[in-house]
Amino acid sequence: TLPTLVAKYQSKVYATRIKHAHSLLQNSLNLYKVKNDCDNYLCLFDTSKTSAEVAKEFSTVLDGAKVCNGERDNVYCNWYNIKENKPTYKVDGVYAASDSIGWEGRIYLKNGVIFAITQYDVCKRTISSPVRDENGYETGEVTTYDVDRCAQIAFDTNGLMPPNQFGVDVLRYYINSEGKLICAQQNLLNNALLNDKVEYTRYNFGDEVK
């Protein structure tokens, strides 16, 4: 049917955009490493730098890049929410945001791709997060766990345009203390790279949980 064909076409479009942004990210990071005679990506993602400083340096190897410089200085430099791939995060009976993209370390390109960098001042640390039940609601308990994340970099393949959803137009990566780039949604990335498609659940912030 026509709706099925449209959905398959849209899925392929999203997958193609993810593949392009993923390749651009890897190639640009490698170019920066070569140009600056670095052993790994930590020469860029230095814990002594701010997110804005890292974004400014990274932009030097991105064609036509503009940096937000830590300010909401134009339409491309405003904070916005990101949805989880599937609606498992729920608060007070409505679907809630899973994450957000700020502006301090944001780079936007003329092709519409946004890179958002968060630089941390330490790599290995303990973080906490709320415990959720099988329906996605917070139980009131908190769990703690150790992470190895020197920095985070996310890309949004079509900028501020919807759906702003992990695995569809947004993916998130971490740089660990060994200077390696690790995709936080590797299974979703593989779906685009290997199967040329994306899979996700459509929903909107603020809608009542069904």
Protein backbone atom coordinates (compact mmCIF):
# COMPACT_ATOMS: atom_id res chain seq x y z
CA THR A 1 0.00 0.00 0.00
CA LEU A 2 1.01 3.63 -0.43
CA PRO A 3 1.55 4.29 3.32
CA THR A 4 3.85 1.28 3.55
CA LEU A 5 5.87 2.42 0.55
CA VAL A 6 6.16 5.92 1.98
CA ALA A 7 7.32 4.54 5.34
CA LYS A 8 9.97 2.37 3.68
CA TYR A 9 11.20 5.31 1.61
CA GLN A 10 11.38 7.56 4.67
CA SER A 11 13.27 4.88 6.59
CA LYS A 12 15.85 4.66 3.82
CA VAL A 13 16.20 8.45 3.75
CA TYR A 14 16.88 8.54 7.49
CA ALA A 15 19.36 5.66 7.20
CA THR A 16 21.23 7.40 4.38
CA ARG A 17 21.51 10.57 6.46
CA ILE A 18 22.82 8.61 9.46
CA LYS A 19 25.44 6.90 7.31
CA HIS A 20 26.56 10.24 5.91
CA ALA A 21 26.81 11.93 9.32
CA HIS A 22 28.59 8.92 10.85
CA SER A 23 31.14 8.89 8.03
CA LEU A 24 31.60 12.66 8.27
CA LEU A 25 32.21 12.41 12.02
CA GLN A 26 34.78 9.63 11.72
CA ASN A 27 36.61 11.16 8.77
CA SER A 28 36.73 14.61 10.37
CA LEU A 29 38.04 13.27 13.67
CA ASN A 30 40.72 11.31 11.84
CA LEU A 31 41.64 14.39 9.80
CA TYR A 32 42.01 16.42 12.98
CA LYS A 33 44.21 13.68 14.46
CA VAL A 34 46.49 13.62 11.40
CA LYS A 35 46.73 17.42 11.08
CA ASN A 36 47.66 17.77 14.74
CA ASP A 37 49.93 14.71 14.91
CA CYS A 38 47.80 13.05 17.62
CA ASP A 39 47.98 9.49 18.87
CA ASN A 40 44.24 9.37 19.55
CA TYR A 41 41.16 11.61 19.89
CA LEU A 42 42.10 12.85 23.36
CA CYS A 43 44.24 15.56 21.80
CA LEU A 44 40.93 17.15 20.81
CA PHE A 45 38.74 15.96 23.68
CA ASP A 46 41.04 17.27 26.39
CA THR A 47 39.59 17.34 29.92
CA SER A 48 41.24 20.73 30.50
CA LYS A 49 39.12 22.32 27.75
CA THR A 50 35.52 23.52 27.74
CA SER A 51 32.85 22.21 25.40
CA ALA A 52 32.94 25.47 23.45
CA GLU A 53 36.73 25.30 23.06
CA VAL A 54 36.58 21.73 21.74
CA ALA A 55 33.80 22.64 19.32
CA LYS A 56 35.81 25.58 17.98
CA GLU A 57 38.85 23.37 17.37
CA PHE A 58 36.83 20.57 15.77
CA SER A 59 35.10 23.05 13.45
CA THR A 60 38.45 23.76 11.77
CA VAL A 61 38.25 20.42 9.92
CA LEU A 62 34.56 20.71 9.00
CA ASP A 63 33.67 22.40 5.73
CA GLY A 64 31.51 25.49 6.17
CA ALA A 65 31.12 24.94 9.93
CA LYS A 66 29.74 27.56 12.29
CA VAL A 67 30.05 27.39 16.07
CA CYS A 68 27.49 28.61 18.59
CA ASN A 69 30.24 29.88 20.93
CA GLY A 70 28.22 29.05 24.02
CA GLU A 71 25.46 31.51 23.21
CA ARG A 72 21.89 31.32 21.93
CA ASP A 73 22.93 33.70 19.20
CA ASN A 74 20.69 32.53 16.36
CA VAL A 75 17.99 30.02 15.45
CA TYR A 76 20.56 27.21 15.16
CA CYS A 77 21.87 27.72 18.68
CA ASN A 78 18.83 27.01 20.82
CA TRP A 79 18.47 24.09 23.22
CA TYR A 80 16.03 21.33 22.21
CA ASN A 81 14.83 17.94 23.48
CA ILE A 82 15.61 14.51 22.05
CA LYS A 83 13.26 11.53 22.25
CA GLU A 84 14.30 7.99 23.06
CA ASN A 85 14.06 5.49 20.18
CA LYS A 86 11.05 3.91 21.86
CA PRO A 87 8.78 5.66 24.41
CA THR A 88 10.01 4.02 27.59
CA TYR A 89 10.71 7.20 29.56
CA LYS A 90 7.50 8.50 31.08
CA VAL A 91 6.84 11.08 33.78
CA ASP A 92 3.46 11.90 35.38
CA GLY A 93 1.51 9.97 32.80
CA VAL A 94 2.95 11.68 29.71
CA TYR A 95 5.88 10.94 27.42
CA ALA A 96 8.94 12.90 28.50
CA ALA A 97 12.25 13.86 26.93
CA SER A 98 15.07 11.32 27.02
CA ASP A 99 17.90 13.80 26.47
CA SER A 100 18.60 17.26 25.15
CA ILE A 101 21.07 19.05 22.90
CA GLY A 102 22.52 22.25 24.27
CA TRP A 103 24.33 25.05 22.52
CA GLU A 104 27.63 25.49 24.36
CA GLY A 105 29.52 22.98 22.20
CA ARG A 106 27.31 23.05 19.11
CA ILE A 107 28.54 23.13 15.53
CA TYR A 108 26.13 23.47 12.63
CA LEU A 109 26.95 22.80 8.99
CA LYS A 110 25.53 24.19 5.77
CA ASN A 111 24.14 20.72 4.90
CA GLY A 112 21.92 20.84 8.03
CA VAL A 113 23.95 18.46 10.23
CA ILE A 114 24.48 19.52 13.85
CA PHE A 115 27.33 18.24 16.02
CA ALA A 116 26.91 18.79 19.77
CA ILE A 117 29.94 18.32 22.01
CA THR A 118 29.98 17.95 25.77
CA GLN A 119 33.46 17.95 27.25
CA TYR A 120 33.86 16.59 30.79
CA ASP A 121 36.63 17.57 33.22
CA VAL A 122 37.28 13.92 34.20
CA CYS A 123 36.91 10.66 32.29
CA LYS A 124 36.25 7.97 34.89
CA ARG A 125 33.58 8.80 37.45
CA THR A 126 30.47 7.53 39.17
CA ILE A 127 27.09 8.81 38.04
CA SER A 128 23.55 8.22 39.22
CA SER A 129 20.20 7.85 37.51
CA PRO A 130 16.62 7.14 38.61
CA VAL A 131 15.39 3.56 38.69
CA ARG A 132 12.34 2.92 36.49
CA ASP A 133 9.84 0.09 36.62
CA GLU A 134 8.83 -2.15 33.71
CA ASN A 135 6.43 0.54 32.49
CA GLY A 136 9.07 3.27 32.48
CA TYR A 137 7.94 5.15 35.58
CA GLU A 138 10.42 6.36 38.21
CA THR A 139 10.29 4.26 41.38
CA GLY A 140 11.89 6.92 43.59
CA GLU A 141 15.08 4.88 43.91
CA VAL A 142 18.44 5.86 42.44
CA THR A 143 21.13 3.60 41.01
CA THR A 144 24.82 4.49 40.68
CA TYR A 145 27.38 3.09 38.26
CA ASP A 146 30.88 3.80 36.98
CA VAL A 147 31.48 5.25 33.52
CA ASP A 148 34.50 6.02 31.35
CA ARG A 149 33.49 9.06 29.33
CA CYS A 150 35.91 11.91 28.66
CA ALA A 151 33.48 13.58 26.29
CA GLN A 152 30.23 13.10 24.45
CA ILE A 153 29.49 14.04 20.87
CA ALA A 154 26.07 13.73 19.27
CA PHE A 155 24.96 14.43 15.74
CA ASP A 156 21.55 15.40 14.43
CA THR A 157 21.30 14.70 10.72
CA ASN A 158 18.66 17.34 9.98
CA GLY A 159 19.25 19.90 12.70
CA LEU A 160 16.24 21.32 14.50
CA MET A 161 13.80 19.53 12.21
CA PRO A 162 11.80 16.59 13.64
CA PRO A 163 11.67 13.84 14.68
CA ASN A 164 14.72 14.59 16.90
CA GLN A 165 14.79 10.97 18.00
CA PHE A 166 17.65 8.58 18.78
CA GLY A 167 18.26 6.10 15.98
CA VAL A 168 16.31 8.15 13.46
CA ASP A 169 18.08 11.47 13.05
CA VAL A 170 20.19 11.57 16.24
CA LEU A 171 23.02 9.37 17.51
CA ARG A 172 25.30 9.84 20.51
CA TYR A 173 28.94 8.82 20.95
CA TYR A 174 31.44 8.79 23.81
CA ILE A 175 35.21 9.22 23.83
CA ASN A 176 36.76 7.08 26.57
CA SER A 177 40.05 7.41 28.46
CA GLU A 178 41.83 5.39 25.76
CA GLY A 179 40.80 7.96 23.17
CA LYS A 180 38.36 5.63 21.40
CA LEU A 181 35.06 6.68 19.82
CA ILE A 182 32.14 4.51 20.95
CA CYS A 183 28.57 4.81 19.69
CA ALA A 184 26.06 4.67 22.55
CA GLN A 185 23.38 3.34 20.19
CA GLN A 186 25.54 0.87 18.25
CA ASN A 187 22.62 -1.43 17.43
CA LEU A 188 20.68 1.48 15.92
CA LEU A 189 23.74 2.61 13.98
CA ASN A 190 24.28 -0.92 12.66
CA ASN A 191 20.68 -1.04 11.47
CA ALA A 192 21.34 1.99 9.29
CA LEU A 193 24.80 0.92 8.12
CA LEU A 194 24.06 -2.74 7.44
CA ASN A 195 20.33 -2.86 6.74
CA ASP A 196 19.85 0.58 5.22
CA LYS A 197 16.85 1.31 7.45
CA VAL A 198 15.78 2.72 10.80
CA GLU A 199 13.23 1.36 13.24
CA TYR A 200 11.52 3.46 15.89
CA THR A 201 8.22 4.24 17.56
CA ARG A 202 6.48 7.49 16.69
CA TYR A 203 5.31 9.58 19.65
CA ASN A 204 5.34 13.17 20.85
CA PHE A 205 6.44 14.90 24.02
CA GLY A 206 3.52 15.60 26.33
CA ASP A 207 1.20 12.99 24.83
CA GLU A 208 -0.56 10.81 27.37
CA VAL A 209 0.96 7.38 27.77
CA LYS A 210 -1.04 4.77 25.89
